[in-house]
Amino acid sequence: MRGFWRGLAIFLLGGVLGTGFGVALGFFLFPFVFPPPPAAEQLTEADRSALHATGTFIHANPSDPIHWGKGKVSVYERTVFLEPDFEVGPGPKYHVYLVPNANVRKEDMVAKSMFVDLGRLRAFKGSQRYTIPAGVDLSKYPSVVIWCEAFGVLISPADLSPAKK
């Protein structure tokens, strides 16, 4: 009888651990297996008010094959616009930040700064626009970054260059 209870306990423990591992693996693999469709948002005339800066997303850490990004970003007076060529590797809970540091290449340059969170990334590729809150002085934010809030990881930074007038 003792062997029966021990076997049952091992079976139940294996079931609980296996289920937990399977759920965790599912959360990690879901964006890779079922990515959302590409975004195709357009700028309105109000969004195009005054082009402030432009930049290009880069792969900040080439030795990391999972966290990468590419494509252009345009910053207008009231809008950050990820251009149609924008793309990042999929993952959970990505956000778009304006960061007060130039040449962002490490996580601590974002985590220890007073960034402006523009919202959750809506798609891993394609054009998207994000409203800049009123009162934000764009001259104090020389970078736009894609940041993973779930794990505190820098996905892709874009250094901004002032627009030619």
Foldseek 3Di string as FASTA:
>chain_A
DVVVVVVVVVVVVCVVVVVVVVVVVCQWCVCVVPFDDADADDDDPVQPPAWWWKWWKAALDVVDPQFTWTAMWTHGPWKIKGAQATATHDGPFKWKKQAQDAPDRFLCSRVVGPIDTQDTDPGRGGMDMTTDDPPDDSVRGQKIFIAHPVVSGTRIMIGIDTDDD
